[in-house]
Amino acid sequence: MENLFDVSGKKVIVTGGTRGLGLGMAEGFMKAGSKVVIVGTSEKVYEVAKAMQEKGYDCQGVKGDLAQREETYRVFHECVEKLGGDLDVLVNAHGIQRRHSAEEFPLNEWDDVLSVNLDAVFILCQEAGKIMLKKGYGKIINIASMISFFGGQTIPAYAAAKGGVMQLTKELSNDWAGRGVNVNAIAPGYMATEMNAALLDPSNPRYEIITGRIPAGRWGTGEDMQGTALFLASHASDYLCGAVIPVDGGYLVK
């Protein structure tokens, strides 16, 4: 019987693939035998890709600024070119964060966060959909957030963007599920990544509050994202459509 969870040979794009959750998921795909192109904003993307190649993985890198619309299109098509003109799986794991109280939040930073965390996600999904719909098969995995469910504090732009990612995932699923393209999302909980450096400081009173609410007793890592990402990329999830799956150590249900 075919292995429902097999993703070997799948052609995969992972944005934000040089660090944190994106790198964790990208490496999970590589270990499972997928061909992966990672996207990053600096020369580091080539260093990470080379390091993965030296481990024996099929990995290439593309550098680009997903805050710029024309760059987002260029990045996508360069990734597809590196994959031989085809695409099976898109993982939108890129993102930025800006923190200010809502009454002080600068509009230029609002624009930056929405451009990267929502506009670019839609563009990449749309372009991936054009390829996947033609062959009647594909998997798109968006990265939502606990903030897709909660409001958060001092992050109005991020909250708006991640709420948008959750709803966009559902809408795209409605449009494409009947045509062979599954669109789902993972909602990470509190993760020990660079983006959360301020919250991870034990002197920050919120660190103890957050940690105390996680039934698993710890913050998550990129490795904790791998199983769910591989599931959503495989035939095992062919009847899963528009879902937003929390990977949060139980935080949401506490």
Protein backbone atom coordinates (compact mmCIF):
# COMPACT_ATOMS: atom_id res chain seq x y z
CA MET A 1 0.00 0.00 0.00
CA GLU A 2 1.23 3.47 -0.83
CA ASN A 3 2.72 5.34 2.11
CA LEU A 4 0.19 8.12 2.69
CA PHE A 5 2.83 10.28 4.35
CA ASP A 6 5.47 9.95 1.62
CA VAL A 7 6.73 13.31 0.29
CA SER A 8 9.93 12.06 -1.31
CA GLY A 9 10.60 13.76 -4.63
CA LYS A 10 8.04 16.49 -3.97
CA LYS A 11 9.04 19.95 -5.18
CA VAL A 12 8.73 22.39 -2.29
CA ILE A 13 9.18 26.12 -1.70
CA VAL A 14 9.65 27.30 1.88
CA THR A 15 9.78 31.05 2.41
CA GLY A 16 11.51 32.28 5.55
CA GLY A 17 13.59 29.14 5.28
CA THR A 18 16.87 30.38 6.71
CA ARG A 19 15.95 30.39 10.39
CA GLY A 20 13.37 29.57 13.01
CA LEU A 21 10.20 27.74 12.05
CA GLY A 22 10.82 28.02 8.32
CA LEU A 23 14.22 26.38 8.57
CA GLY A 24 12.82 23.68 10.83
CA MET A 25 10.11 22.78 8.33
CA ALA A 26 12.44 23.04 5.34
CA GLU A 27 14.86 20.62 6.96
CA GLY A 28 11.98 18.28 7.73
CA PHE A 29 11.07 18.16 4.05
CA MET A 30 14.68 17.58 3.06
CA LYS A 31 15.05 14.70 5.50
CA ALA A 32 11.90 13.21 3.99
CA GLY A 33 13.43 13.33 0.50
CA SER A 34 11.79 16.42 -0.96
CA LYS A 35 13.47 18.88 -3.30
CA VAL A 36 13.41 22.20 -1.48
CA VAL A 37 14.05 25.82 -2.42
CA ILE A 38 14.33 28.13 0.58
CA VAL A 39 13.75 31.89 0.40
CA GLY A 40 15.53 34.46 2.55
CA THR A 41 16.23 38.18 2.59
CA SER A 42 20.03 38.07 2.78
CA GLU A 43 23.08 36.20 1.53
CA LYS A 44 22.51 33.83 4.43
CA VAL A 45 20.03 31.94 2.25
CA TYR A 46 22.89 30.68 0.08
CA GLU A 47 24.97 29.74 3.11
CA VAL A 48 22.09 27.73 4.58
CA ALA A 49 21.40 26.04 1.23
CA LYS A 50 25.07 25.11 0.87
CA ALA A 51 25.16 23.70 4.41
CA MET A 52 22.14 21.57 3.60
CA GLN A 53 23.70 20.36 0.36
CA GLU A 54 26.78 19.31 2.31
CA LYS A 55 24.50 17.16 4.47
CA GLY A 56 23.34 15.44 1.30
CA TYR A 57 19.99 17.21 0.95
CA ASP A 58 18.45 18.58 -2.26
CA CYS A 59 18.31 22.28 -1.36
CA GLN A 60 18.70 25.55 -3.23
CA GLY A 61 18.32 29.16 -2.12
CA VAL A 62 16.73 32.30 -3.54
CA LYS A 63 17.28 35.74 -2.08
CA GLY A 64 14.56 38.38 -2.25
CA ASP A 65 12.55 41.04 -0.46
CA LEU A 66 8.94 39.93 -0.04
CA ALA A 67 7.98 43.43 1.09
CA GLN A 68 8.15 44.46 -2.58
CA ARG A 69 5.44 43.13 -4.87
CA GLU A 70 7.54 42.87 -8.02
CA GLU A 71 10.28 41.17 -6.02
CA THR A 72 7.75 38.69 -4.69
CA TYR A 73 6.79 37.66 -8.21
CA ARG A 74 10.45 37.40 -9.24
CA VAL A 75 11.32 35.31 -6.20
CA PHE A 76 8.46 32.90 -6.82
CA HIS A 77 9.28 32.32 -10.46
CA GLU A 78 13.00 31.93 -9.75
CA CYS A 79 12.13 29.28 -7.17
CA VAL A 80 9.92 27.42 -9.64
CA GLU A 81 12.66 27.60 -12.26
CA LYS A 82 15.09 25.99 -9.81
CA LEU A 83 12.53 23.22 -9.30
CA GLY A 84 12.40 22.49 -13.02
CA GLY A 85 9.29 24.52 -13.76
CA ASP A 86 6.96 22.67 -11.40
CA LEU A 87 5.71 22.95 -7.82
CA ASP A 88 3.96 20.54 -5.47
CA VAL A 89 4.09 22.28 -2.10
CA LEU A 90 4.28 25.92 -1.00
CA VAL A 91 5.01 26.79 2.64
CA ASN A 92 4.59 30.49 3.47
CA ALA A 93 6.73 30.76 6.60
CA HIS A 94 8.19 34.25 6.20
CA GLY A 95 7.20 37.13 8.45
CA ILE A 96 8.26 40.23 10.33
CA GLN A 97 7.22 41.76 13.63
CA ARG A 98 6.96 45.35 14.86
CA ARG A 99 5.90 46.29 18.40
CA HIS A 100 4.25 49.54 19.53
CA SER A 101 1.10 50.38 21.44
CA ALA A 102 -1.79 50.78 19.01
CA GLU A 103 -2.12 54.54 19.58
CA GLU A 104 1.55 55.00 18.67
CA PHE A 105 1.93 52.44 15.89
CA PRO A 106 3.62 54.13 12.87
CA LEU A 107 1.71 53.74 9.62
CA ASN A 108 4.89 53.02 7.68
CA GLU A 109 5.52 50.02 9.94
CA TRP A 110 1.88 48.95 9.55
CA ASP A 111 2.42 48.97 5.78
CA ASP A 112 5.65 46.97 6.13
CA VAL A 113 4.06 44.25 8.24
CA LEU A 114 0.95 43.92 6.07
CA SER A 115 3.04 43.85 2.89
CA VAL A 116 5.26 41.03 4.09
CA ASN A 117 2.89 39.03 6.28
CA LEU A 118 -0.30 39.21 4.21
CA ASP A 119 0.12 40.74 0.74
CA ALA A 120 3.10 38.54 -0.14
CA VAL A 121 1.29 35.46 1.17
CA PHE A 122 -1.62 36.12 -1.18
CA ILE A 123 0.66 36.73 -4.17
CA LEU A 124 2.62 33.53 -3.54
CA CYS A 125 -0.58 31.52 -3.04
CA GLN A 126 -2.07 32.96 -6.21
CA GLU A 127 1.00 32.17 -8.29
CA ALA A 128 1.29 28.68 -6.81
CA GLY A 129 -2.38 28.10 -7.45
CA LYS A 130 -1.95 28.84 -11.15
CA ILE A 131 0.57 26.01 -11.43
CA MET A 132 -1.22 23.55 -9.15
CA LEU A 133 -4.69 24.03 -10.62
CA LYS A 134 -3.41 23.21 -14.11
CA LYS A 135 -2.28 19.76 -12.97
CA GLY A 136 -5.13 19.27 -10.49
CA TYR A 137 -2.90 18.76 -7.49
CA GLY A 138 -0.97 20.79 -4.93
CA LYS A 139 -0.56 21.62 -1.27
CA ILE A 140 -0.32 25.13 0.18
CA ILE A 141 0.60 25.52 3.84
CA ASN A 142 0.25 28.98 5.33
CA ILE A 143 1.65 29.89 8.73
CA ALA A 144 -0.98 31.56 10.87
CA SER A 145 -0.45 32.20 14.59
CA MET A 146 -2.03 32.08 18.02
CA ILE A 147 -2.66 35.74 17.22
CA SER A 148 -5.03 34.57 14.49
CA PHE A 149 -7.31 33.63 17.42
CA PHE A 150 -6.27 36.24 20.02
CA GLY A 151 -5.67 39.96 19.78
CA GLY A 152 -2.25 40.11 21.38
CA GLN A 153 -0.72 43.31 22.71
CA THR A 154 1.44 46.00 21.05
CA ILE A 155 1.20 44.15 17.70
CA PRO A 156 -1.86 45.52 15.87
CA ALA A 157 -0.33 45.08 12.40
CA TYR A 158 0.80 41.52 13.09
CA ALA A 159 -2.61 40.67 14.55
CA ALA A 160 -4.38 42.05 11.51
CA ALA A 161 -2.06 40.19 9.14
CA LYS A 162 -2.29 36.84 10.91
CA GLY A 163 -6.05 37.14 11.21
CA GLY A 164 -6.02 37.78 7.47
CA VAL A 165 -3.86 34.71 6.80
CA MET A 166 -6.37 32.51 8.61
CA GLN A 167 -9.32 33.86 6.61
CA LEU A 168 -7.36 33.83 3.35
CA THR A 169 -6.56 30.16 3.94
CA LYS A 170 -10.27 29.39 4.28
CA GLU A 171 -11.26 31.39 1.21
CA LEU A 172 -8.61 29.84 -1.03
CA SER A 173 -9.65 26.42 0.19
CA ASN A 174 -13.24 27.14 -0.81
CA ASP A 175 -12.11 28.18 -4.29
CA TRP A 176 -9.63 25.37 -4.91
CA ALA A 177 -10.44 22.28 -2.79
CA GLY A 178 -12.74 20.84 -5.45
CA ARG A 179 -10.00 21.27 -8.04
CA GLY A 180 -7.30 19.26 -6.29
CA VAL A 181 -5.46 21.95 -4.36
CA ASN A 182 -5.48 21.76 -0.57
CA VAL A 183 -4.92 25.01 1.32
CA ASN A 184 -4.43 24.72 5.07
CA ALA A 185 -2.56 26.56 7.80
CA ILE A 186 -0.52 25.86 10.88
CA ALA A 187 -0.95 28.17 13.86
CA PRO A 188 2.24 27.98 15.93
CA GLY A 189 2.02 28.75 19.60
CA TYR A 190 4.76 30.52 21.49
CA MET A 191 7.97 29.46 19.81
CA ALA A 192 11.57 29.94 20.92
CA THR A 193 12.60 31.90 17.83
CA GLU A 194 14.40 35.14 17.12
CA MET A 195 11.10 36.92 16.52
CA ASN A 196 10.15 36.28 20.16
CA ALA A 197 13.48 37.32 21.66
CA ALA A 198 11.89 40.07 23.76
CA LEU A 199 9.31 37.68 25.22
CA LEU A 200 11.91 34.97 25.89
CA ASP A 201 13.80 37.21 28.29
CA PRO A 202 13.11 35.73 31.76
CA SER A 203 13.09 39.26 33.18
CA ASN A 204 10.04 40.02 31.04
CA PRO A 205 6.99 39.37 33.26
CA ARG A 206 5.08 38.01 30.27
CA TYR A 207 7.60 35.17 29.88
CA GLU A 208 6.49 33.51 33.11
CA ILE A 209 2.80 34.14 32.37
CA ILE A 210 3.03 32.60 28.89
CA THR A 211 5.17 29.65 29.94
CA GLY A 212 2.82 28.88 32.82
CA ARG A 213 -0.10 28.57 30.41
CA ILE A 214 1.58 26.02 28.10
CA PRO A 215 0.50 22.52 29.24
CA ALA A 216 3.53 20.98 27.50
CA GLY A 217 5.68 23.04 29.86
CA ARG A 218 7.97 24.55 27.24
CA TRP A 219 8.09 26.87 24.24
CA GLY A 220 8.07 25.24 20.80
CA THR A 221 10.83 24.86 18.20
CA GLY A 222 11.11 24.53 14.44
CA GLU A 223 11.36 20.76 14.85
CA ASP A 224 7.92 20.75 16.48
CA MET A 225 6.49 22.05 13.18
CA GLN A 226 7.89 19.30 11.00
CA GLY A 227 5.32 16.55 11.52
CA THR A 228 2.31 18.75 10.86
CA ALA A 229 3.93 20.32 7.79
CA LEU A 230 4.78 16.91 6.32
CA PHE A 231 1.26 15.68 7.02
CA LEU A 232 -0.28 18.69 5.26
CA ALA A 233 2.04 18.16 2.27
CA SER A 234 1.21 14.47 1.89
CA HIS A 235 -1.71 12.45 0.54
CA ALA A 236 -2.68 11.75 4.15
CA SER A 237 -4.29 15.23 4.23
CA ASP A 238 -6.10 15.07 0.87
CA TYR A 239 -9.50 15.58 2.51
CA LEU A 240 -8.34 18.31 4.88
CA CYS A 241 -9.38 21.70 3.52
CA GLY A 242 -9.20 25.17 5.04
CA ALA A 243 -8.06 23.89 8.43
CA VAL A 244 -5.99 25.97 10.83
CA ILE A 245 -4.08 23.53 13.04
CA PRO A 246 -2.62 24.80 16.33
CA VAL A 247 0.86 23.51 17.12
CA ASP A 248 1.14 25.13 20.51
CA GLY A 249 1.82 22.64 23.28
CA GLY A 250 -1.82 22.98 24.34
CA TYR A 251 -1.75 26.75 24.88
CA LEU A 252 -5.01 27.41 23.02
CA VAL A 253 -7.06 24.98 25.07
CA LYS A 254 -5.72 25.89 28.52
